[in-house]
Amino acid sequence: MSSVSAGPPGKKGYHHGALHSALIEASIALAREGGPDRVVLREAARAAGVSHSAAYRHFADREALLAEVSSYARDELAAQMRRRVDRTNDPRKRLRAVGTAYIDFAISEPGLFRTAFTSHPATSGGAEHGRATTGRDPFEVLGQVLDEAQAAGLLDARRRPGAEIAAWSAVHGLASLLLDGPLPRSPAAVRFARAQVFDLIERGLLNDT
């Protein structure tokens, strides 16, 4: 971020584009601290060192700002999923890697995880057509891995449509229970719960080998 003018005392002078980025960066930090409820235009403006009215020149309302932060959180989650998937070429292990990365992100970045799906567009049709697109969204990363499992003969074509919904629902449910529910979050307990859910997904979707 580069400032340009001294401005009023206690305020920072930003280039137009830099202020937009500064508000998003401040809001990401707020989301990390307290989830989507902390993403408020007034708080973001205060953190960026500008007036509330200056923030409204870049975002019409809180929902517009939250949409940007939610998109960032989904991108971060998808990137972590892709990094974990890329560690192996085994289709079965790649499917487990998707779920492991998802849960690890929820535990390590609870604020961003809770924000990721607060404001988001509908999925790109993978649930209906069984096809992913760019791979920048967690749902699309999962879809790509499921396509690979089908191509490898692990996933029957008849089970492919909507497989994302089943797998995602199970893993997201576990992540939510670990964050906000009664499940213990010790490393051993997380590993056990994760293995149980992954086994259930595989028995429901994948062919016996």
C-alpha atoms as a PDB file:
ATOM      1  CA  MET A   1       0.000   0.000   0.000  1.00  0.00           C
ATOM      2  CA  SER A   2       1.369   3.400  -0.904  1.00  0.00           C
ATOM      3  CA  SER A   3       0.042   6.624   0.584  1.00  0.00           C
ATOM      4  CA  VAL A   4       0.200   9.908  -1.307  1.00  0.00           C
ATOM      5  CA  SER A   5      -0.850  12.849   0.814  1.00  0.00           C
ATOM      6  CA  ALA A   6      -0.694  13.628   4.479  1.00  0.00           C
ATOM      7  CA  GLY A   7      -4.428  14.399   4.639  1.00  0.00           C
ATOM      8  CA  PRO A   8      -6.205  15.323   7.859  1.00  0.00           C
ATOM      9  CA  PRO A   9      -4.505  14.397  11.157  1.00  0.00           C
ATOM     10  CA  GLY A  10      -4.805  10.703  11.866  1.00  0.00           C
ATOM     11  CA  LYS A  11      -5.880   9.911   8.319  1.00  0.00           C
ATOM     12  CA  LYS A  12      -3.919   8.278   5.513  1.00  0.00           C
ATOM     13  CA  GLY A  13      -3.877   9.532   1.949  1.00  0.00           C
ATOM     14  CA  TYR A  14      -4.314   6.745  -0.581  1.00  0.00           C
ATOM     15  CA  HIS A  15      -4.388   6.432  -4.294  1.00  0.00           C
ATOM     16  CA  HIS A  16      -7.921   5.448  -5.326  1.00  0.00           C
ATOM     17  CA  GLY A  17      -7.027   1.829  -6.049  1.00  0.00           C
ATOM     18  CA  ALA A  18      -4.800   1.562  -3.008  1.00  0.00           C
ATOM     19  CA  LEU A  19      -7.611   2.572  -0.658  1.00  0.00           C
ATOM     20  CA  HIS A  20      -9.859  -0.093  -2.153  1.00  0.00           C
ATOM     21  CA  SER A  21      -7.157  -2.705  -1.501  1.00  0.00           C
ATOM     22  CA  ALA A  22      -6.451  -1.307   1.963  1.00  0.00           C
ATOM     23  CA  LEU A  23     -10.094  -1.652   2.958  1.00  0.00           C
ATOM     24  CA  ILE A  24     -10.174  -5.252   1.756  1.00  0.00           C
ATOM     25  CA  GLU A  25      -6.924  -6.077   3.577  1.00  0.00           C
ATOM     26  CA  ALA A  26      -8.244  -4.499   6.768  1.00  0.00           C
ATOM     27  CA  SER A  27     -11.478  -6.461   6.426  1.00  0.00           C
ATOM     28  CA  ILE A  28      -9.614  -9.724   5.883  1.00  0.00           C
ATOM     29  CA  ALA A  29      -7.745  -9.093   9.126  1.00  0.00           C
ATOM     30  CA  LEU A  30     -11.049  -8.394  10.885  1.00  0.00           C
ATOM     31  CA  ALA A  31     -12.537 -11.623   9.506  1.00  0.00           C
ATOM     32  CA  ARG A  32      -9.527 -13.576  10.735  1.00  0.00           C
ATOM     33  CA  GLU A  33     -10.094 -12.186  14.215  1.00  0.00           C
ATOM     34  CA  GLY A  34     -13.822 -12.656  14.483  1.00  0.00           C
ATOM     35  CA  GLY A  35     -15.439 -14.081  11.386  1.00  0.00           C
ATOM     36  CA  PRO A  36     -18.010 -12.381   9.154  1.00  0.00           C
ATOM     37  CA  ASP A  37     -19.628 -10.394  11.979  1.00  0.00           C
ATOM     38  CA  ARG A  38     -16.445  -8.353  12.350  1.00  0.00           C
ATOM     39  CA  VAL A  39     -16.481  -7.258   8.708  1.00  0.00           C
ATOM     40  CA  VAL A  40     -18.060  -3.811   9.052  1.00  0.00           C
ATOM     41  CA  LEU A  41     -17.329  -0.811   6.822  1.00  0.00           C
ATOM     42  CA  ARG A  42     -16.806   1.538   9.741  1.00  0.00           C
ATOM     43  CA  GLU A  43     -14.318  -0.856  11.368  1.00  0.00           C
ATOM     44  CA  ALA A  44     -12.489  -1.400   8.093  1.00  0.00           C
ATOM     45  CA  ALA A  45     -12.244   2.357   7.531  1.00  0.00           C
ATOM     46  CA  ARG A  46     -10.899   2.868  11.046  1.00  0.00           C
ATOM     47  CA  ALA A  47      -8.300   0.122  10.555  1.00  0.00           C
ATOM     48  CA  ALA A  48      -7.248   1.629   7.221  1.00  0.00           C
ATOM     49  CA  GLY A  49      -7.003   5.081   8.822  1.00  0.00           C
ATOM     50  CA  VAL A  50      -9.625   6.779   6.657  1.00  0.00           C
ATOM     51  CA  SER A  51     -13.063   8.236   7.175  1.00  0.00           C
ATOM     52  CA  HIS A  52     -16.265   6.214   7.046  1.00  0.00           C
ATOM     53  CA  SER A  53     -17.440   8.273   4.078  1.00  0.00           C
ATOM     54  CA  ALA A  54     -14.238   7.449   2.184  1.00  0.00           C
ATOM     55  CA  ALA A  55     -14.989   3.746   2.542  1.00  0.00           C
ATOM     56  CA  TYR A  56     -18.435   4.239   1.021  1.00  0.00           C
ATOM     57  CA  ARG A  57     -16.849   5.598  -2.130  1.00  0.00           C
ATOM     58  CA  HIS A  58     -15.496   2.104  -2.736  1.00  0.00           C
ATOM     59  CA  PHE A  59     -18.208  -0.139  -1.319  1.00  0.00           C
ATOM     60  CA  ALA A  60     -21.910   0.589  -1.510  1.00  0.00           C
ATOM     61  CA  ASP A  61     -22.605  -1.262   1.729  1.00  0.00           C
ATOM     62  CA  ARG A  62     -21.317  -3.886   4.121  1.00  0.00           C
ATOM     63  CA  GLU A  63     -22.550  -6.725   1.909  1.00  0.00           C
ATOM     64  CA  ALA A  64     -20.376  -5.539  -0.979  1.00  0.00           C
ATOM     65  CA  LEU A  65     -17.316  -5.510   1.272  1.00  0.00           C
ATOM     66  CA  LEU A  66     -18.202  -8.873   2.810  1.00  0.00           C
ATOM     67  CA  ALA A  67     -18.513 -10.375  -0.672  1.00  0.00           C
ATOM     68  CA  GLU A  68     -14.892  -9.411  -1.393  1.00  0.00           C
ATOM     69  CA  VAL A  69     -13.651 -10.928   1.860  1.00  0.00           C
ATOM     70  CA  SER A  70     -15.736 -14.063   1.347  1.00  0.00           C
ATOM     71  CA  SER A  71     -14.246 -14.479  -2.132  1.00  0.00           C
ATOM     72  CA  TYR A  72     -10.731 -14.100  -0.702  1.00  0.00           C
ATOM     73  CA  ALA A  73     -11.446 -16.733   1.960  1.00  0.00           C
ATOM     74  CA  ARG A  74     -12.724 -19.202  -0.636  1.00  0.00           C
ATOM     75  CA  ASP A  75      -9.665 -18.586  -2.806  1.00  0.00           C
ATOM     76  CA  GLU A  76      -7.395 -19.275   0.170  1.00  0.00           C
ATOM     77  CA  LEU A  77      -9.260 -22.449   1.032  1.00  0.00           C
ATOM     78  CA  ALA A  78      -9.165 -23.653  -2.582  1.00  0.00           C
ATOM     79  CA  ALA A  79      -5.433 -22.916  -2.798  1.00  0.00           C
ATOM     80  CA  GLN A  80      -4.762 -24.957   0.348  1.00  0.00           C
ATOM     81  CA  MET A  81      -6.825 -27.808  -1.068  1.00  0.00           C
ATOM     82  CA  ARG A  82      -4.888 -27.735  -4.354  1.00  0.00           C
ATOM     83  CA  ARG A  83      -1.530 -27.697  -2.564  1.00  0.00           C
ATOM     84  CA  ARG A  84      -2.508 -30.748  -0.508  1.00  0.00           C
ATOM     85  CA  VAL A  85      -3.907 -32.583  -3.537  1.00  0.00           C
ATOM     86  CA  ASP A  86      -0.735 -31.969  -5.530  1.00  0.00           C
ATOM     87  CA  ARG A  87       1.316 -33.972  -3.034  1.00  0.00           C
ATOM     88  CA  THR A  88       0.070 -37.275  -4.459  1.00  0.00           C
ATOM     89  CA  ASN A  89      -0.980 -38.778  -7.770  1.00  0.00           C
ATOM     90  CA  ASP A  90      -3.147 -41.477  -6.204  1.00  0.00           C
ATOM     91  CA  PRO A  91      -6.830 -40.612  -6.936  1.00  0.00           C
ATOM     92  CA  ARG A  92      -8.078 -42.082  -3.662  1.00  0.00           C
ATOM     93  CA  LYS A  93      -5.477 -40.205  -1.643  1.00  0.00           C
ATOM     94  CA  ARG A  94      -6.223 -37.025  -3.589  1.00  0.00           C
ATOM     95  CA  LEU A  95      -9.852 -37.239  -2.528  1.00  0.00           C
ATOM     96  CA  ARG A  96      -8.821 -37.622   1.091  1.00  0.00           C
ATOM     97  CA  ALA A  97      -6.362 -34.743   0.671  1.00  0.00           C
ATOM     98  CA  VAL A  98      -9.227 -32.452  -0.339  1.00  0.00           C
ATOM     99  CA  GLY A  99     -11.095 -33.244   2.866  1.00  0.00           C
ATOM    100  CA  THR A 100      -7.998 -33.037   5.046  1.00  0.00           C
ATOM    101  CA  ALA A 101      -7.117 -29.598   3.695  1.00  0.00           C
ATOM    102  CA  TYR A 102     -10.692 -28.414   4.188  1.00  0.00           C
ATOM    103  CA  ILE A 103     -10.772 -29.448   7.834  1.00  0.00           C
ATOM    104  CA  ASP A 104      -7.252 -28.179   8.540  1.00  0.00           C
ATOM    105  CA  PHE A 105      -8.204 -24.784   7.099  1.00  0.00           C
ATOM    106  CA  ALA A 106     -11.308 -24.649   9.295  1.00  0.00           C
ATOM    107  CA  ILE A 107      -9.255 -25.346  12.409  1.00  0.00           C
ATOM    108  CA  SER A 108      -6.296 -23.092  11.575  1.00  0.00           C
ATOM    109  CA  GLU A 109      -8.337 -20.201  10.099  1.00  0.00           C
ATOM    110  CA  PRO A 110     -11.736 -20.340  11.827  1.00  0.00           C
ATOM    111  CA  GLY A 111     -12.556 -16.705  11.119  1.00  0.00           C
ATOM    112  CA  LEU A 112     -11.864 -16.993   7.395  1.00  0.00           C
ATOM    113  CA  PHE A 113     -13.579 -20.380   7.227  1.00  0.00           C
ATOM    114  CA  ARG A 114     -16.764 -18.958   8.735  1.00  0.00           C
ATOM    115  CA  THR A 115     -16.565 -16.042   6.308  1.00  0.00           C
ATOM    116  CA  ALA A 116     -15.884 -18.118   3.188  1.00  0.00           C
ATOM    117  CA  PHE A 117     -19.479 -19.124   2.541  1.00  0.00           C
ATOM    118  CA  THR A 118     -21.239 -16.130   4.080  1.00  0.00           C
ATOM    119  CA  SER A 119     -21.521 -14.259   0.800  1.00  0.00           C
ATOM    120  CA  HIS A 120     -21.009 -16.187  -2.397  1.00  0.00           C
ATOM    121  CA  PRO A 121     -22.490 -16.898  -5.820  1.00  0.00           C
ATOM    122  CA  ALA A 122     -24.183 -20.167  -6.625  1.00  0.00           C
ATOM    123  CA  THR A 123     -21.890 -23.022  -7.579  1.00  0.00           C
ATOM    124  CA  SER A 124     -20.950 -23.206 -11.235  1.00  0.00           C
ATOM    125  CA  GLY A 125     -23.233 -26.116 -12.044  1.00  0.00           C
ATOM    126  CA  GLY A 126     -20.995 -28.960 -10.867  1.00  0.00           C
ATOM    127  CA  ALA A 127     -23.691 -30.290  -8.562  1.00  0.00           C
ATOM    128  CA  GLU A 128     -26.059 -30.663 -11.495  1.00  0.00           C
ATOM    129  CA  HIS A 129     -23.720 -31.576 -14.324  1.00  0.00           C
ATOM    130  CA  GLY A 130     -20.809 -33.165 -12.485  1.00  0.00           C
ATOM    131  CA  ARG A 131     -18.231 -30.859 -14.060  1.00  0.00           C
ATOM    132  CA  ALA A 132     -15.835 -28.332 -12.560  1.00  0.00           C
ATOM    133  CA  THR A 133     -14.425 -25.202 -14.174  1.00  0.00           C
ATOM    134  CA  THR A 134     -11.520 -23.015 -13.092  1.00  0.00           C
ATOM    135  CA  GLY A 135     -10.477 -24.745  -9.879  1.00  0.00           C
ATOM    136  CA  ARG A 136     -10.412 -21.459  -7.958  1.00  0.00           C
ATOM    137  CA  ASP A 137     -13.385 -22.446  -5.796  1.00  0.00           C
ATOM    138  CA  PRO A 138     -13.349 -25.240  -3.185  1.00  0.00           C
ATOM    139  CA  PHE A 139     -16.376 -26.855  -4.821  1.00  0.00           C
ATOM    140  CA  GLU A 140     -14.562 -26.909  -8.162  1.00  0.00           C
ATOM    141  CA  VAL A 141     -11.396 -28.430  -6.682  1.00  0.00           C
ATOM    142  CA  LEU A 142     -13.519 -31.201  -5.223  1.00  0.00           C
ATOM    143  CA  GLY A 143     -15.228 -31.673  -8.581  1.00  0.00           C
ATOM    144  CA  GLN A 144     -11.922 -32.039 -10.388  1.00  0.00           C
ATOM    145  CA  VAL A 145     -10.726 -34.683  -7.938  1.00  0.00           C
ATOM    146  CA  LEU A 146     -13.983 -36.590  -8.313  1.00  0.00           C
ATOM    147  CA  ASP A 147     -13.606 -36.458 -12.105  1.00  0.00           C
ATOM    148  CA  GLU A 148     -10.130 -37.940 -11.694  1.00  0.00           C
ATOM    149  CA  ALA A 149     -11.528 -40.711  -9.507  1.00  0.00           C
ATOM    150  CA  GLN A 150     -14.099 -41.524 -12.176  1.00  0.00           C
ATOM    151  CA  ALA A 151     -11.447 -41.531 -14.908  1.00  0.00           C
ATOM    152  CA  ALA A 152      -9.339 -43.917 -12.798  1.00  0.00           C
ATOM    153  CA  GLY A 153     -12.268 -46.336 -12.438  1.00  0.00           C
ATOM    154  CA  LEU A 154     -12.775 -45.621  -8.721  1.00  0.00           C
ATOM    155  CA  LEU A 155     -16.065 -43.790  -9.119  1.00  0.00           C
ATOM    156  CA  ASP A 156     -18.922 -45.264 -11.124  1.00  0.00           C
ATOM    157  CA  ALA A 157     -20.348 -42.840 -13.694  1.00  0.00           C
ATOM    158  CA  ARG A 158     -23.824 -43.403 -12.243  1.00  0.00           C
ATOM    159  CA  ARG A 159     -22.641 -42.072  -8.879  1.00  0.00           C
ATOM    160  CA  ARG A 160     -20.826 -39.065 -10.307  1.00  0.00           C
ATOM    161  CA  PRO A 161     -23.742 -36.594 -10.627  1.00  0.00           C
ATOM    162  CA  GLY A 162     -24.099 -34.786  -7.316  1.00  0.00           C
ATOM    163  CA  ALA A 163     -21.152 -36.551  -5.699  1.00  0.00           C
ATOM    164  CA  GLU A 164     -19.773 -33.137  -4.691  1.00  0.00           C
ATOM    165  CA  ILE A 165     -22.860 -32.494  -2.604  1.00  0.00           C
ATOM    166  CA  ALA A 166     -22.517 -35.708  -0.620  1.00  0.00           C
ATOM    167  CA  ALA A 167     -18.777 -35.368  -0.004  1.00  0.00           C
ATOM    168  CA  TRP A 168     -18.863 -31.645   0.709  1.00  0.00           C
ATOM    169  CA  SER A 169     -21.803 -31.911   3.088  1.00  0.00           C
ATOM    170  CA  ALA A 170     -20.095 -34.617   5.122  1.00  0.00           C
ATOM    171  CA  VAL A 171     -16.750 -32.816   5.390  1.00  0.00           C
ATOM    172  CA  HIS A 172     -18.278 -29.393   6.010  1.00  0.00           C
ATOM    173  CA  GLY A 173     -20.488 -30.870   8.684  1.00  0.00           C
ATOM    174  CA  LEU A 174     -17.485 -32.357  10.454  1.00  0.00           C
ATOM    175  CA  ALA A 175     -15.569 -29.074  10.189  1.00  0.00           C
ATOM    176  CA  SER A 176     -18.515 -27.187  11.687  1.00  0.00           C
ATOM    177  CA  LEU A 177     -18.872 -29.654  14.545  1.00  0.00           C
ATOM    178  CA  LEU A 178     -15.181 -29.376  15.307  1.00  0.00           C
ATOM    179  CA  LEU A 179     -15.389 -25.584  15.378  1.00  0.00           C
ATOM    180  CA  ASP A 180     -18.752 -24.949  16.997  1.00  0.00           C
ATOM    181  CA  GLY A 181     -20.055 -28.290  18.205  1.00  0.00           C
ATOM    182  CA  PRO A 182     -19.283 -30.856  20.864  1.00  0.00           C
ATOM    183  CA  LEU A 183     -16.536 -32.792  19.077  1.00  0.00           C
ATOM    184  CA  PRO A 184     -13.111 -32.582  20.733  1.00  0.00           C
ATOM    185  CA  ARG A 185     -10.334 -30.872  18.776  1.00  0.00           C
ATOM    186  CA  SER A 186      -7.250 -32.664  20.056  1.00  0.00           C
ATOM    187  CA  PRO A 187      -5.067 -33.896  17.164  1.00  0.00           C
ATOM    188  CA  ALA A 188      -5.888 -37.522  17.895  1.00  0.00           C
ATOM    189  CA  ALA A 189      -9.631 -36.836  18.098  1.00  0.00           C
ATOM    190  CA  VAL A 190      -9.576 -34.863  14.840  1.00  0.00           C
ATOM    191  CA  ARG A 191      -7.695 -37.644  13.054  1.00  0.00           C
ATOM    192  CA  PHE A 192     -10.188 -40.231  14.299  1.00  0.00           C
ATOM    193  CA  ALA A 193     -13.257 -38.200  13.313  1.00  0.00           C
ATOM    194  CA  ARG A 194     -11.733 -37.354   9.949  1.00  0.00           C
ATOM    195  CA  ALA A 195     -10.983 -41.021   9.199  1.00  0.00           C
ATOM    196  CA  GLN A 196     -14.546 -42.026  10.105  1.00  0.00           C
ATOM    197  CA  VAL A 197     -16.060 -39.440   7.787  1.00  0.00           C
ATOM    198  CA  PHE A 198     -13.660 -40.200   4.933  1.00  0.00           C
ATOM    199  CA  ASP A 199     -14.390 -43.930   5.230  1.00  0.00           C
ATOM    200  CA  LEU A 200     -18.102 -43.173   5.061  1.00  0.00           C
ATOM    201  CA  ILE A 201     -17.654 -41.039   1.928  1.00  0.00           C
ATOM    202  CA  GLU A 202     -15.542 -43.676   0.221  1.00  0.00           C
ATOM    203  CA  ARG A 203     -17.972 -46.491   1.019  1.00  0.00           C
ATOM    204  CA  GLY A 204     -20.797 -44.410  -0.407  1.00  0.00           C
ATOM    205  CA  LEU A 205     -19.076 -43.183  -3.561  1.00  0.00           C
ATOM    206  CA  LEU A 206     -16.067 -45.239  -4.536  1.00  0.00           C
ATOM    207  CA  ASN A 207     -15.869 -48.735  -5.979  1.00  0.00           C
ATOM    208  CA  ASP A 208     -14.235 -51.518  -3.979  1.00  0.00           C
ATOM    209  CA  THR A 209     -10.630 -52.196  -4.982  1.00  0.00           C
END
